[in-house]
Amino acid sequence: MISKVNPNRIQVLFDQFLQEKQYIQNVSPNTVDFYLQSFKAFNLSLPLTQAQLNSEIVRMRQESKTPNGINAYIRGLRPFLRFLFDNGHITEAPKLKKLKCEERQMRTFSDAQIRAILR
């Protein structure tokens, strides 16, 4: 277990995180929305554990969410996890690694196709 906080406080802590991001770090409203969507996607509760984070990722994959979509949620949740650790709300910084994604190769034209286009 990497948390020492009351289980009912996660929403309060997230609201505090959002306020700091908005009023101290002056992030845009779109960024705040992004953080909020990421937080909701993970459906967290305290005590926060690495196993809980991993099981949330498994749940999202089972719901057919794409690895790229889950990676976006991970990117949006990491600052909140860091906030929890930096402010002493959790005793260990959880590790959320991005999922491996398929790399798409751009289709290119052959030399003959390029010559045909140029003609």
PDB file of N, CA and C in Angstrom:
ATOM      1  N   MET A   1       0.852  -1.177   0.000  1.00  0.00           N
ATOM      2  CA  MET A   1       0.000   0.000   0.000  1.00  0.00           C
ATOM      3  C   MET A   1       0.896   1.238   0.000  1.00  0.00           C
ATOM      4  N   ILE A   2       0.566   2.223  -0.845  1.00  0.00           N
ATOM      5  CA  ILE A   2       1.400   3.411  -0.938  1.00  0.00           C
ATOM      6  C   ILE A   2       0.657   4.651  -0.476  1.00  0.00           C
ATOM      7  N   SER A   3      -0.434   4.494   0.243  1.00  0.00           N
ATOM      8  CA  SER A   3      -1.217   5.633   0.682  1.00  0.00           C
ATOM      9  C   SER A   3      -1.438   5.591   2.180  1.00  0.00           C
ATOM     10  N   LYS A   4      -1.538   6.778   2.760  1.00  0.00           N
ATOM     11  CA  LYS A   4      -1.839   6.851   4.182  1.00  0.00           C
ATOM     12  C   LYS A   4      -3.006   7.803   4.431  1.00  0.00           C
ATOM     13  N   VAL A   5      -3.857   8.009   3.447  1.00  0.00           N
ATOM     14  CA  VAL A   5      -4.937   8.981   3.540  1.00  0.00           C
ATOM     15  C   VAL A   5      -6.288   8.290   3.706  1.00  0.00           C
ATOM     16  N   ASN A   6      -7.219   9.014   4.270  1.00  0.00           N
ATOM     17  CA  ASN A   6      -8.594   8.555   4.423  1.00  0.00           C
ATOM     18  C   ASN A   6      -9.200   8.292   3.041  1.00  0.00           C
ATOM     19  N   PRO A   7      -9.892   7.155   2.847  1.00  0.00           N
ATOM     20  CA  PRO A   7     -10.435   6.815   1.532  1.00  0.00           C
ATOM     21  C   PRO A   7     -11.438   7.823   0.975  1.00  0.00           C
ATOM     22  N   ASN A   8     -12.062   8.627   1.808  1.00  0.00           N
ATOM     23  CA  ASN A   8     -13.067   9.580   1.339  1.00  0.00           C
ATOM     24  C   ASN A   8     -12.458  10.882   0.841  1.00  0.00           C
ATOM     25  N   ARG A   9     -11.168  11.026   0.907  1.00  0.00           N
ATOM     26  CA  ARG A   9     -10.538  12.300   0.599  1.00  0.00           C
ATOM     27  C   ARG A   9     -10.017  12.448  -0.818  1.00  0.00           C
ATOM     28  N   ILE A  10     -10.109  11.455  -1.647  1.00  0.00           N
ATOM     29  CA  ILE A  10      -9.479  11.557  -2.971  1.00  0.00           C
ATOM     30  C   ILE A  10     -10.086  12.685  -3.794  1.00  0.00           C
ATOM     31  N   GLN A  11     -11.394  12.860  -3.739  1.00  0.00           N
ATOM     32  CA  GLN A  11     -12.031  13.934  -4.501  1.00  0.00           C
ATOM     33  C   GLN A  11     -11.615  15.299  -3.960  1.00  0.00           C
ATOM     34  N   VAL A  12     -11.517  15.426  -2.649  1.00  0.00           N
ATOM     35  CA  VAL A  12     -11.079  16.690  -2.029  1.00  0.00           C
ATOM     36  C   VAL A  12      -9.653  17.008  -2.460  1.00  0.00           C
ATOM     37  N   LEU A  13      -8.801  15.998  -2.455  1.00  0.00           N
ATOM     38  CA  LEU A  13      -7.407  16.195  -2.873  1.00  0.00           C
ATOM     39  C   LEU A  13      -7.321  16.553  -4.351  1.00  0.00           C
ATOM     40  N   PHE A  14      -8.155  15.927  -5.170  1.00  0.00           N
ATOM     41  CA  PHE A  14      -8.138  16.240  -6.591  1.00  0.00           C
ATOM     42  C   PHE A  14      -8.617  17.670  -6.826  1.00  0.00           C
ATOM     43  N   ASP A  15      -9.631  18.099  -6.091  1.00  0.00           N
ATOM     44  CA  ASP A  15     -10.112  19.481  -6.213  1.00  0.00           C
ATOM     45  C   ASP A  15      -9.022  20.472  -5.809  1.00  0.00           C
ATOM     46  N   GLN A  16      -8.277  20.139  -4.771  1.00  0.00           N
ATOM     47  CA  GLN A  16      -7.160  20.989  -4.344  1.00  0.00           C
ATOM     48  C   GLN A  16      -6.091  21.042  -5.437  1.00  0.00           C
ATOM     49  N   PHE A  17      -5.795  19.891  -6.025  1.00  0.00           N
ATOM     50  CA  PHE A  17      -4.838  19.821  -7.129  1.00  0.00           C
ATOM     51  C   PHE A  17      -5.274  20.727  -8.279  1.00  0.00           C
ATOM     52  N   LEU A  18      -6.564  20.640  -8.660  1.00  0.00           N
ATOM     53  CA  LEU A  18      -7.070  21.469  -9.760  1.00  0.00           C
ATOM     54  C   LEU A  18      -6.973  22.954  -9.433  1.00  0.00           C
ATOM     55  N   GLN A  19      -7.274  23.316  -8.200  1.00  0.00           N
ATOM     56  CA  GLN A  19      -7.184  24.727  -7.810  1.00  0.00           C
ATOM     57  C   GLN A  19      -5.750  25.232  -7.909  1.00  0.00           C
ATOM     58  N   GLU A  20      -4.799  24.429  -7.462  1.00  0.00           N
ATOM     59  CA  GLU A  20      -3.394  24.829  -7.571  1.00  0.00           C
ATOM     60  C   GLU A  20      -2.978  24.969  -9.032  1.00  0.00           C
ATOM     61  N   LYS A  21      -3.424  24.036  -9.858  1.00  0.00           N
ATOM     62  CA  LYS A  21      -3.077  24.112 -11.281  1.00  0.00           C
ATOM     63  C   LYS A  21      -3.682  25.368 -11.911  1.00  0.00           C
ATOM     64  N   GLN A  22      -4.946  25.668 -11.578  1.00  0.00           N
ATOM     65  CA  GLN A  22      -5.623  26.815 -12.170  1.00  0.00           C
ATOM     66  C   GLN A  22      -5.058  28.133 -11.677  1.00  0.00           C
ATOM     67  N   TYR A  23      -4.965  28.297 -10.374  1.00  0.00           N
ATOM     68  CA  TYR A  23      -4.693  29.608  -9.804  1.00  0.00           C
ATOM     69  C   TYR A  23      -3.225  29.873  -9.498  1.00  0.00           C
ATOM     70  N   ILE A  24      -2.444  28.834  -9.313  1.00  0.00           N
ATOM     71  CA  ILE A  24      -1.021  29.047  -9.025  1.00  0.00           C
ATOM     72  C   ILE A  24      -0.177  28.843 -10.277  1.00  0.00           C
ATOM     73  N   GLN A  25      -0.465  27.772 -11.014  1.00  0.00           N
ATOM     74  CA  GLN A  25       0.321  27.486 -12.213  1.00  0.00           C
ATOM     75  C   GLN A  25      -0.317  28.034 -13.477  1.00  0.00           C
ATOM     76  N   ASN A  26      -1.535  28.557 -13.350  1.00  0.00           N
ATOM     77  CA  ASN A  26      -2.222  29.229 -14.451  1.00  0.00           C
ATOM     78  C   ASN A  26      -2.360  28.373 -15.707  1.00  0.00           C
ATOM     79  N   VAL A  27      -2.772  27.107 -15.516  1.00  0.00           N
ATOM     80  CA  VAL A  27      -3.002  26.255 -16.681  1.00  0.00           C
ATOM     81  C   VAL A  27      -4.321  26.650 -17.342  1.00  0.00           C
ATOM     82  N   SER A  28      -4.474  26.307 -18.582  1.00  0.00           N
ATOM     83  CA  SER A  28      -5.667  26.689 -19.342  1.00  0.00           C
ATOM     84  C   SER A  28      -6.880  25.869 -18.899  1.00  0.00           C
ATOM     85  N   PRO A  29      -8.085  26.379 -19.168  1.00  0.00           N
ATOM     86  CA  PRO A  29      -9.295  25.604 -18.861  1.00  0.00           C
ATOM     87  C   PRO A  29      -9.319  24.253 -19.583  1.00  0.00           C
ATOM     88  N   ASN A  30      -8.760  24.190 -20.782  1.00  0.00           N
ATOM     89  CA  ASN A  30      -8.699  22.911 -21.498  1.00  0.00           C
ATOM     90  C   ASN A  30      -7.817  21.899 -20.764  1.00  0.00           C
ATOM     91  N   THR A  31      -6.738  22.370 -20.184  1.00  0.00           N
ATOM     92  CA  THR A  31      -5.856  21.480 -19.426  1.00  0.00           C
ATOM     93  C   THR A  31      -6.569  20.976 -18.182  1.00  0.00           C
ATOM     94  N   VAL A  32      -7.305  21.855 -17.524  1.00  0.00           N
ATOM     95  CA  VAL A  32      -8.080  21.445 -16.348  1.00  0.00           C
ATOM     96  C   VAL A  32      -9.093  20.374 -16.741  1.00  0.00           C
ATOM     97  N   ASP A  33      -9.773  20.563 -17.865  1.00  0.00           N
ATOM     98  CA  ASP A  33     -10.727  19.560 -18.350  1.00  0.00           C
ATOM     99  C   ASP A  33     -10.032  18.232 -18.638  1.00  0.00           C
ATOM    100  N   PHE A  34      -8.838  18.306 -19.210  1.00  0.00           N
ATOM    101  CA  PHE A  34      -8.055  17.110 -19.512  1.00  0.00           C
ATOM    102  C   PHE A  34      -7.717  16.352 -18.226  1.00  0.00           C
ATOM    103  N   TYR A  35      -7.262  17.076 -17.199  1.00  0.00           N
ATOM    104  CA  TYR A  35      -6.977  16.441 -15.909  1.00  0.00           C
ATOM    105  C   TYR A  35      -8.236  15.791 -15.335  1.00  0.00           C
ATOM    106  N   LEU A  36      -9.360  16.485 -15.431  1.00  0.00           N
ATOM    107  CA  LEU A  36     -10.622  15.975 -14.903  1.00  0.00           C
ATOM    108  C   LEU A  36     -11.058  14.704 -15.623  1.00  0.00           C
ATOM    109  N   GLN A  37     -10.965  14.690 -16.940  1.00  0.00           N
ATOM    110  CA  GLN A  37     -11.321  13.496 -17.709  1.00  0.00           C
ATOM    111  C   GLN A  37     -10.421  12.318 -17.345  1.00  0.00           C
ATOM    112  N   SER A  38      -9.135  12.592 -17.173  1.00  0.00           N
ATOM    113  CA  SER A  38      -8.192  11.525 -16.820  1.00  0.00           C
ATOM    114  C   SER A  38      -8.502  10.962 -15.442  1.00  0.00           C
ATOM    115  N   PHE A  39      -8.799  11.842 -14.506  1.00  0.00           N
ATOM    116  CA  PHE A  39      -9.131  11.415 -13.145  1.00  0.00           C
ATOM    117  C   PHE A  39     -10.387  10.545 -13.149  1.00  0.00           C
ATOM    118  N   LYS A  40     -11.404  10.981 -13.879  1.00  0.00           N
ATOM    119  CA  LYS A  40     -12.648  10.212 -13.948  1.00  0.00           C
ATOM    120  C   LYS A  40     -12.444   8.863 -14.631  1.00  0.00           C
ATOM    121  N   ALA A  41     -11.591   8.818 -15.632  1.00  0.00           N
ATOM    122  CA  ALA A  41     -11.348   7.565 -16.361  1.00  0.00           C
ATOM    123  C   ALA A  41     -10.736   6.513 -15.450  1.00  0.00           C
ATOM    124  N   PHE A  42      -9.906   6.944 -14.508  1.00  0.00           N
ATOM    125  CA  PHE A  42      -9.225   5.983 -13.643  1.00  0.00           C
ATOM    126  C   PHE A  42     -10.061   5.526 -12.463  1.00  0.00           C
ATOM    127  N   ASN A  43     -11.104   6.249 -12.092  1.00  0.00           N
ATOM    128  CA  ASN A  43     -12.019   5.769 -11.064  1.00  0.00           C
ATOM    129  C   ASN A  43     -11.270   5.372  -9.788  1.00  0.00           C
ATOM    130  N   LEU A  44     -10.442   6.276  -9.267  1.00  0.00           N
ATOM    131  CA  LEU A  44      -9.567   5.964  -8.139  1.00  0.00           C
ATOM    132  C   LEU A  44     -10.272   6.066  -6.800  1.00  0.00           C
ATOM    133  N   SER A  45      -9.707   5.360  -5.836  1.00  0.00           N
ATOM    134  CA  SER A  45     -10.136   5.481  -4.452  1.00  0.00           C
ATOM    135  C   SER A  45      -8.899   5.322  -3.580  1.00  0.00           C
ATOM    136  N   LEU A  46      -9.014   5.772  -2.375  1.00  0.00           N
ATOM    137  CA  LEU A  46      -7.908   5.621  -1.439  1.00  0.00           C
ATOM    138  C   LEU A  46      -8.230   4.496  -0.479  1.00  0.00           C
ATOM    139  N   PRO A  47      -7.295   3.748   0.013  1.00  0.00           N
ATOM    140  CA  PRO A  47      -5.870   3.933  -0.188  1.00  0.00           C
ATOM    141  C   PRO A  47      -5.444   3.570  -1.619  1.00  0.00           C
ATOM    142  N   LEU A  48      -4.592   4.374  -2.163  1.00  0.00           N
ATOM    143  CA  LEU A  48      -4.131   4.227  -3.537  1.00  0.00           C
ATOM    144  C   LEU A  48      -2.965   3.239  -3.583  1.00  0.00           C
ATOM    145  N   THR A  49      -3.081   2.247  -4.440  1.00  0.00           N
ATOM    146  CA  THR A  49      -2.010   1.254  -4.577  1.00  0.00           C
ATOM    147  C   THR A  49      -1.619   1.119  -6.037  1.00  0.00           C
ATOM    148  N   GLN A  50      -0.434   0.605  -6.244  1.00  0.00           N
ATOM    149  CA  GLN A  50       0.022   0.325  -7.601  1.00  0.00           C
ATOM    150  C   GLN A  50      -0.891  -0.705  -8.256  1.00  0.00           C
ATOM    151  N   ALA A  51      -1.329  -1.683  -7.475  1.00  0.00           N
ATOM    152  CA  ALA A  51      -2.228  -2.719  -8.003  1.00  0.00           C
ATOM    153  C   ALA A  51      -3.544  -2.104  -8.467  1.00  0.00           C
ATOM    154  N   GLN A  52      -4.043  -1.113  -7.749  1.00  0.00           N
ATOM    155  CA  GLN A  52      -5.286  -0.456  -8.158  1.00  0.00           C
ATOM    156  C   GLN A  52      -5.095   0.258  -9.489  1.00  0.00           C
ATOM    157  N   LEU A  53      -3.996   0.978  -9.642  1.00  0.00           N
ATOM    158  CA  LEU A  53      -3.718   1.672 -10.906  1.00  0.00           C
ATOM    159  C   LEU A  53      -3.628   0.671 -12.055  1.00  0.00           C
ATOM    160  N   ASN A  54      -2.913  -0.417 -11.821  1.00  0.00           N
ATOM    161  CA  ASN A  54      -2.778  -1.446 -12.860  1.00  0.00           C
ATOM    162  C   ASN A  54      -4.126  -2.068 -13.205  1.00  0.00           C
ATOM    163  N   SER A  55      -4.950  -2.333 -12.203  1.00  0.00           N
ATOM    164  CA  SER A  55      -6.250  -2.954 -12.477  1.00  0.00           C
ATOM    165  C   SER A  55      -7.166  -1.994 -13.232  1.00  0.00           C
ATOM    166  N   GLU A  56      -7.021  -0.705 -13.009  1.00  0.00           N
ATOM    167  CA  GLU A  56      -7.805   0.275 -13.763  1.00  0.00           C
ATOM    168  C   GLU A  56      -7.400   0.271 -15.239  1.00  0.00           C
ATOM    169  N   ILE A  57      -6.112   0.121 -15.498  1.00  0.00           N
ATOM    170  CA  ILE A  57      -5.647   0.040 -16.886  1.00  0.00           C
ATOM    171  C   ILE A  57      -6.193  -1.223 -17.539  1.00  0.00           C
ATOM    172  N   VAL A  58      -6.154  -2.343 -16.803  1.00  0.00           N
ATOM    173  CA  VAL A  58      -6.707  -3.598 -17.327  1.00  0.00           C
ATOM    174  C   VAL A  58      -8.193  -3.425 -17.621  1.00  0.00           C
ATOM    175  N   ARG A  59      -8.922  -2.795 -16.701  1.00  0.00           N
ATOM    176  CA  ARG A  59     -10.359  -2.575 -16.900  1.00  0.00           C
ATOM    177  C   ARG A  59     -10.617  -1.773 -18.171  1.00  0.00           C
ATOM    178  N   MET A  60      -9.838  -0.706 -18.385  1.00  0.00           N
ATOM    179  CA  MET A  60     -10.021   0.115 -19.586  1.00  0.00           C
ATOM    180  C   MET A  60      -9.732  -0.690 -20.858  1.00  0.00           C
ATOM    181  N   ARG A  61      -8.706  -1.528 -20.816  1.00  0.00           N
ATOM    182  CA  ARG A  61      -8.393  -2.358 -21.988  1.00  0.00           C
ATOM    183  C   ARG A  61      -9.516  -3.355 -22.242  1.00  0.00           C
ATOM    184  N   GLN A  62     -10.076  -3.917 -21.174  1.00  0.00           N
ATOM    185  CA  GLN A  62     -11.185  -4.857 -21.324  1.00  0.00           C
ATOM    186  C   GLN A  62     -12.425  -4.167 -21.881  1.00  0.00           C
ATOM    187  N   GLU A  63     -12.541  -2.867 -21.628  1.00  0.00           N
ATOM    188  CA  GLU A  63     -13.649  -2.083 -22.189  1.00  0.00           C
ATOM    189  C   GLU A  63     -13.344  -1.621 -23.614  1.00  0.00           C
ATOM    190  N   SER A  64     -12.280  -2.142 -24.188  1.00  0.00           N
ATOM    191  CA  SER A  64     -11.865  -1.869 -25.569  1.00  0.00           C
ATOM    192  C   SER A  64     -11.375  -0.449 -25.801  1.00  0.00           C
ATOM    193  N   LYS A  65     -10.882   0.196 -24.764  1.00  0.00           N
ATOM    194  CA  LYS A  65     -10.242   1.496 -24.971  1.00  0.00           C
ATOM    195  C   LYS A  65      -8.886   1.245 -25.625  1.00  0.00           C
ATOM    196  N   THR A  66      -8.494   2.137 -26.515  1.00  0.00           N
ATOM    197  CA  THR A  66      -7.246   1.944 -27.252  1.00  0.00           C
ATOM    198  C   THR A  66      -6.043   2.275 -26.374  1.00  0.00           C
ATOM    199  N   PRO A  67      -4.899   1.669 -26.660  1.00  0.00           N
ATOM    200  CA  PRO A  67      -3.689   2.019 -25.915  1.00  0.00           C
ATOM    201  C   PRO A  67      -3.364   3.512 -25.994  1.00  0.00           C
ATOM    202  N   ASN A  68      -3.578   4.124 -27.161  1.00  0.00           N
ATOM    203  CA  ASN A  68      -3.313   5.563 -27.275  1.00  0.00           C
ATOM    204  C   ASN A  68      -4.239   6.378 -26.383  1.00  0.00           C
ATOM    205  N   GLY A  69      -5.496   5.981 -26.300  1.00  0.00           N
ATOM    206  CA  GLY A  69      -6.446   6.673 -25.435  1.00  0.00           C
ATOM    207  C   GLY A  69      -6.083   6.524 -23.970  1.00  0.00           C
ATOM    208  N   ILE A  70      -5.701   5.316 -23.583  1.00  0.00           N
ATOM    209  CA  ILE A  70      -5.290   5.082 -22.193  1.00  0.00           C
ATOM    210  C   ILE A  70      -4.019   5.854 -21.883  1.00  0.00           C
ATOM    211  N   ASN A  71      -3.102   5.926 -22.838  1.00  0.00           N
ATOM    212  CA  ASN A  71      -1.879   6.710 -22.627  1.00  0.00           C
ATOM    213  C   ASN A  71      -2.190   8.178 -22.380  1.00  0.00           C
ATOM    214  N   ALA A  72      -3.220   8.700 -23.028  1.00  0.00           N
ATOM    215  CA  ALA A  72      -3.630  10.089 -22.789  1.00  0.00           C
ATOM    216  C   ALA A  72      -4.111  10.231 -21.346  1.00  0.00           C
ATOM    217  N   TYR A  73      -4.911   9.273 -20.872  1.00  0.00           N
ATOM    218  CA  TYR A  73      -5.372   9.326 -19.482  1.00  0.00           C
ATOM    219  C   TYR A  73      -4.197   9.229 -18.515  1.00  0.00           C
ATOM    220  N   ILE A  74      -3.237   8.379 -18.834  1.00  0.00           N
ATOM    221  CA  ILE A  74      -2.048   8.245 -17.987  1.00  0.00           C
ATOM    222  C   ILE A  74      -1.306   9.577 -17.927  1.00  0.00           C
ATOM    223  N   ARG A  75      -1.149  10.210 -19.077  1.00  0.00           N
ATOM    224  CA  ARG A  75      -0.469  11.504 -19.142  1.00  0.00           C
ATOM    225  C   ARG A  75      -1.204  12.555 -18.299  1.00  0.00           C
ATOM    226  N   GLY A  76      -2.525  12.476 -18.277  1.00  0.00           N
ATOM    227  CA  GLY A  76      -3.310  13.427 -17.496  1.00  0.00           C
ATOM    228  C   GLY A  76      -3.352  13.120 -16.013  1.00  0.00           C
ATOM    229  N   LEU A  77      -3.119  11.873 -15.630  1.00  0.00           N
ATOM    230  CA  LEU A  77      -3.175  11.492 -14.221  1.00  0.00           C
ATOM    231  C   LEU A  77      -1.835  11.648 -13.513  1.00  0.00           C
ATOM    232  N   ARG A  78      -0.744  11.533 -14.238  1.00  0.00           N
ATOM    233  CA  ARG A  78       0.584  11.608 -13.621  1.00  0.00           C
ATOM    234  C   ARG A  78       0.799  12.863 -12.785  1.00  0.00           C
ATOM    235  N   PRO A  79       0.397  14.054 -13.263  1.00  0.00           N
ATOM    236  CA  PRO A  79       0.610  15.240 -12.418  1.00  0.00           C
ATOM    237  C   PRO A  79      -0.128  15.158 -11.076  1.00  0.00           C
ATOM    238  N   PHE A  80      -1.310  14.561 -11.066  1.00  0.00           N
ATOM    239  CA  PHE A  80      -2.053  14.419  -9.812  1.00  0.00           C
ATOM    240  C   PHE A  80      -1.331  13.457  -8.875  1.00  0.00           C
ATOM    241  N   LEU A  81      -0.829  12.348  -9.405  1.00  0.00           N
ATOM    242  CA  LEU A  81      -0.085  11.397  -8.578  1.00  0.00           C
ATOM    243  C   LEU A  81       1.166  12.053  -8.004  1.00  0.00           C
ATOM    244  N   ARG A  82       1.806  12.869  -8.818  1.00  0.00           N
ATOM    245  CA  ARG A  82       2.994  13.591  -8.345  1.00  0.00           C
ATOM    246  C   ARG A  82       2.624  14.589  -7.249  1.00  0.00           C
ATOM    247  N   PHE A  83       1.485  15.267  -7.431  1.00  0.00           N
ATOM    248  CA  PHE A  83       0.975  16.199  -6.425  1.00  0.00           C
ATOM    249  C   PHE A  83       0.751  15.470  -5.097  1.00  0.00           C
ATOM    250  N   LEU A  84       0.132  14.290  -5.156  1.00  0.00           N
ATOM    251  CA  LEU A  84      -0.110  13.520  -3.937  1.00  0.00           C
ATOM    252  C   LEU A  84       1.194  13.177  -3.229  1.00  0.00           C
ATOM    253  N   PHE A  85       2.184  12.760  -3.993  1.00  0.00           N
ATOM    254  CA  PHE A  85       3.473  12.386  -3.416  1.00  0.00           C
ATOM    255  C   PHE A  85       4.210  13.606  -2.867  1.00  0.00           C
ATOM    256  N   ASP A  86       4.289  14.678  -3.656  1.00  0.00           N
ATOM    257  CA  ASP A  86       5.020  15.878  -3.247  1.00  0.00           C
ATOM    258  C   ASP A  86       4.444  16.519  -1.991  1.00  0.00           C
ATOM    259  N   ASN A  87       3.139  16.378  -1.794  1.00  0.00           N
ATOM    260  CA  ASN A  87       2.491  16.991  -0.640  1.00  0.00           C
ATOM    261  C   ASN A  87       2.305  16.021   0.529  1.00  0.00           C
ATOM    262  N   GLY A  88       2.919  14.847   0.434  1.00  0.00           N
ATOM    263  CA  GLY A  88       2.920  13.902   1.542  1.00  0.00           C
ATOM    264  C   GLY A  88       1.627  13.130   1.737  1.00  0.00           C
ATOM    265  N   HIS A  89       0.764  13.110   0.743  1.00  0.00           N
ATOM    266  CA  HIS A  89      -0.491  12.376   0.871  1.00  0.00           C
ATOM    267  C   HIS A  89      -0.321  10.885   0.593  1.00  0.00           C
ATOM    268  N   ILE A  90       0.735  10.534  -0.138  1.00  0.00           N
ATOM    269  CA  ILE A  90       1.095   9.135  -0.339  1.00  0.00           C
ATOM    270  C   ILE A  90       2.578   8.996  -0.041  1.00  0.00           C
ATOM    271  N   THR A  91       2.976   7.820   0.379  1.00  0.00           N
ATOM    272  CA  THR A  91       4.355   7.622   0.822  1.00  0.00           C
ATOM    273  C   THR A  91       5.298   7.170  -0.286  1.00  0.00           C
ATOM    274  N   GLU A  92       4.750   6.642  -1.377  1.00  0.00           N
ATOM    275  CA  GLU A  92       5.556   6.231  -2.528  1.00  0.00           C
ATOM    276  C   GLU A  92       4.945   6.808  -3.792  1.00  0.00           C
ATOM    277  N   ALA A  93       5.793   7.244  -4.714  1.00  0.00           N
ATOM    278  CA  ALA A  93       5.291   7.741  -5.997  1.00  0.00           C
ATOM    279  C   ALA A  93       4.946   6.546  -6.880  1.00  0.00           C
ATOM    280  N   PRO A  94       3.672   6.398  -7.258  1.00  0.00           N
ATOM    281  CA  PRO A  94       3.294   5.278  -8.122  1.00  0.00           C
ATOM    282  C   PRO A  94       3.909   5.405  -9.507  1.00  0.00           C
ATOM    283  N   LYS A  95       4.137   4.287 -10.125  1.00  0.00           N
ATOM    284  CA  LYS A  95       4.713   4.261 -11.474  1.00  0.00           C
ATOM    285  C   LYS A  95       3.606   3.954 -12.479  1.00  0.00           C
ATOM    286  N   LEU A  96       3.356   4.885 -13.360  1.00  0.00           N
ATOM    287  CA  LEU A  96       2.384   4.669 -14.426  1.00  0.00           C
ATOM    288  C   LEU A  96       3.121   4.794 -15.745  1.00  0.00           C
ATOM    289  N   LYS A  97       3.421   3.677 -16.347  1.00  0.00           N
ATOM    290  CA  LYS A  97       4.119   3.690 -17.628  1.00  0.00           C
ATOM    291  C   LYS A  97       3.102   3.668 -18.747  1.00  0.00           C
ATOM    292  N   LYS A  98       3.458   4.315 -19.835  1.00  0.00           N
ATOM    293  CA  LYS A  98       2.594   4.292 -21.010  1.00  0.00           C
ATOM    294  C   LYS A  98       2.557   2.892 -21.598  1.00  0.00           C
ATOM    295  N   LEU A  99       1.442   2.576 -22.226  1.00  0.00           N
ATOM    296  CA  LEU A  99       1.300   1.299 -22.903  1.00  0.00           C
ATOM    297  C   LEU A  99       2.030   1.337 -24.245  1.00  0.00           C
ATOM    298  N   LYS A 100       2.503   0.190 -24.652  1.00  0.00           N
ATOM    299  CA  LYS A 100       3.137   0.089 -25.957  1.00  0.00           C
ATOM    300  C   LYS A 100       2.059   0.210 -27.035  1.00  0.00           C
ATOM    301  N   CYS A 101       2.311   1.040 -28.013  1.00  0.00           N
ATOM    302  CA  CYS A 101       1.328   1.279 -29.076  1.00  0.00           C
ATOM    303  C   CYS A 101       1.898   0.869 -30.426  1.00  0.00           C
ATOM    304  N   GLU A 102       0.989   0.526 -31.285  1.00  0.00           N
ATOM    305  CA  GLU A 102       1.362   0.179 -32.652  1.00  0.00           C
ATOM    306  C   GLU A 102       1.889   1.436 -33.349  1.00  0.00           C
ATOM    307  N   GLU A 103       3.027   1.300 -33.972  1.00  0.00           N
ATOM    308  CA  GLU A 103       3.578   2.419 -34.738  1.00  0.00           C
ATOM    309  C   GLU A 103       3.083   2.325 -36.163  1.00  0.00           C
ATOM    310  N   ARG A 104       2.430   3.356 -36.593  1.00  0.00           N
ATOM    311  CA  ARG A 104       1.902   3.353 -37.960  1.00  0.00           C
ATOM    312  C   ARG A 104       2.967   3.852 -38.919  1.00  0.00           C
ATOM    313  N   GLN A 105       3.097   3.152 -40.002  1.00  0.00           N
ATOM    314  CA  GLN A 105       4.038   3.546 -41.049  1.00  0.00           C
ATOM    315  C   GLN A 105       3.276   4.324 -42.106  1.00  0.00           C
ATOM    316  N   MET A 106       3.803   5.472 -42.443  1.00  0.00           N
ATOM    317  CA  MET A 106       3.169   6.245 -43.505  1.00  0.00           C
ATOM    318  C   MET A 106       3.411   5.557 -44.836  1.00  0.00           C
ATOM    319  N   ARG A 107       2.361   5.483 -45.603  1.00  0.00           N
ATOM    320  CA  ARG A 107       2.505   4.910 -46.932  1.00  0.00           C
ATOM    321  C   ARG A 107       3.176   5.927 -47.826  1.00  0.00           C
ATOM    322  N   THR A 108       4.173   5.493 -48.534  1.00  0.00           N
ATOM    323  CA  THR A 108       4.873   6.405 -49.432  1.00  0.00           C
ATOM    324  C   THR A 108       4.639   5.976 -50.873  1.00  0.00           C
ATOM    325  N   PHE A 109       4.916   6.897 -51.752  1.00  0.00           N
ATOM    326  CA  PHE A 109       4.756   6.609 -53.173  1.00  0.00           C
ATOM    327  C   PHE A 109       6.018   5.955 -53.705  1.00  0.00           C
ATOM    328  N   SER A 110       5.836   5.083 -54.654  1.00  0.00           N
ATOM    329  CA  SER A 110       6.986   4.465 -55.318  1.00  0.00           C
ATOM    330  C   SER A 110       7.559   5.489 -56.301  1.00  0.00           C
ATOM    331  N   ASP A 111       8.762   5.211 -56.817  1.00  0.00           N
ATOM    332  CA  ASP A 111       9.386   6.118 -57.790  1.00  0.00           C
ATOM    333  C   ASP A 111       8.501   6.280 -59.027  1.00  0.00           C
ATOM    334  N   ALA A 112       7.899   5.187 -59.464  1.00  0.00           N
ATOM    335  CA  ALA A 112       7.027   5.244 -60.651  1.00  0.00           C
ATOM    336  C   ALA A 112       5.805   6.117 -60.377  1.00  0.00           C
ATOM    337  N   GLN A 113       5.241   6.023 -59.184  1.00  0.00           N
ATOM    338  CA  GLN A 113       4.084   6.847 -58.842  1.00  0.00           C
ATOM    339  C   GLN A 113       4.455   8.326 -58.764  1.00  0.00           C
ATOM    340  N   ILE A 114       5.621   8.630 -58.231  1.00  0.00           N
ATOM    341  CA  ILE A 114       6.073  10.031 -58.159  1.00  0.00           C
ATOM    342  C   ILE A 114       6.270  10.594 -59.554  1.00  0.00           C
ATOM    343  N   ARG A 115       6.895   9.788 -60.443  1.00  0.00           N
ATOM    344  CA  ARG A 115       7.072  10.245 -61.823  1.00  0.00           C
ATOM    345  C   ARG A 115       5.723  10.507 -62.491  1.00  0.00           C
ATOM    346  N   ALA A 116       4.746   9.630 -62.238  1.00  0.00           N
ATOM    347  CA  ALA A 116       3.419   9.797 -62.831  1.00  0.00           C
ATOM    348  C   ALA A 116       2.752  11.060 -62.297  1.00  0.00           C
ATOM    349  N   ILE A 117       2.927  11.363 -61.028  1.00  0.00           N
ATOM    350  CA  ILE A 117       2.328  12.583 -60.463  1.00  0.00           C
ATOM    351  C   ILE A 117       2.962  13.837 -61.066  1.00  0.00           C
ATOM    352  N   LEU A 118       4.284  13.786 -61.244  1.00  0.00           N
ATOM    353  CA  LEU A 118       5.003  14.956 -61.766  1.00  0.00           C
ATOM    354  C   LEU A 118       4.720  15.223 -63.230  1.00  0.00           C
ATOM    355  N   ARG A 119       4.260  14.209 -63.961  1.00  0.00           N
ATOM    356  CA  ARG A 119       3.981  14.399 -65.381  1.00  0.00           C
ATOM    357  C   ARG A 119       2.706  15.112 -65.603  1.00  0.00           C
TER     358      ARG A 119
END
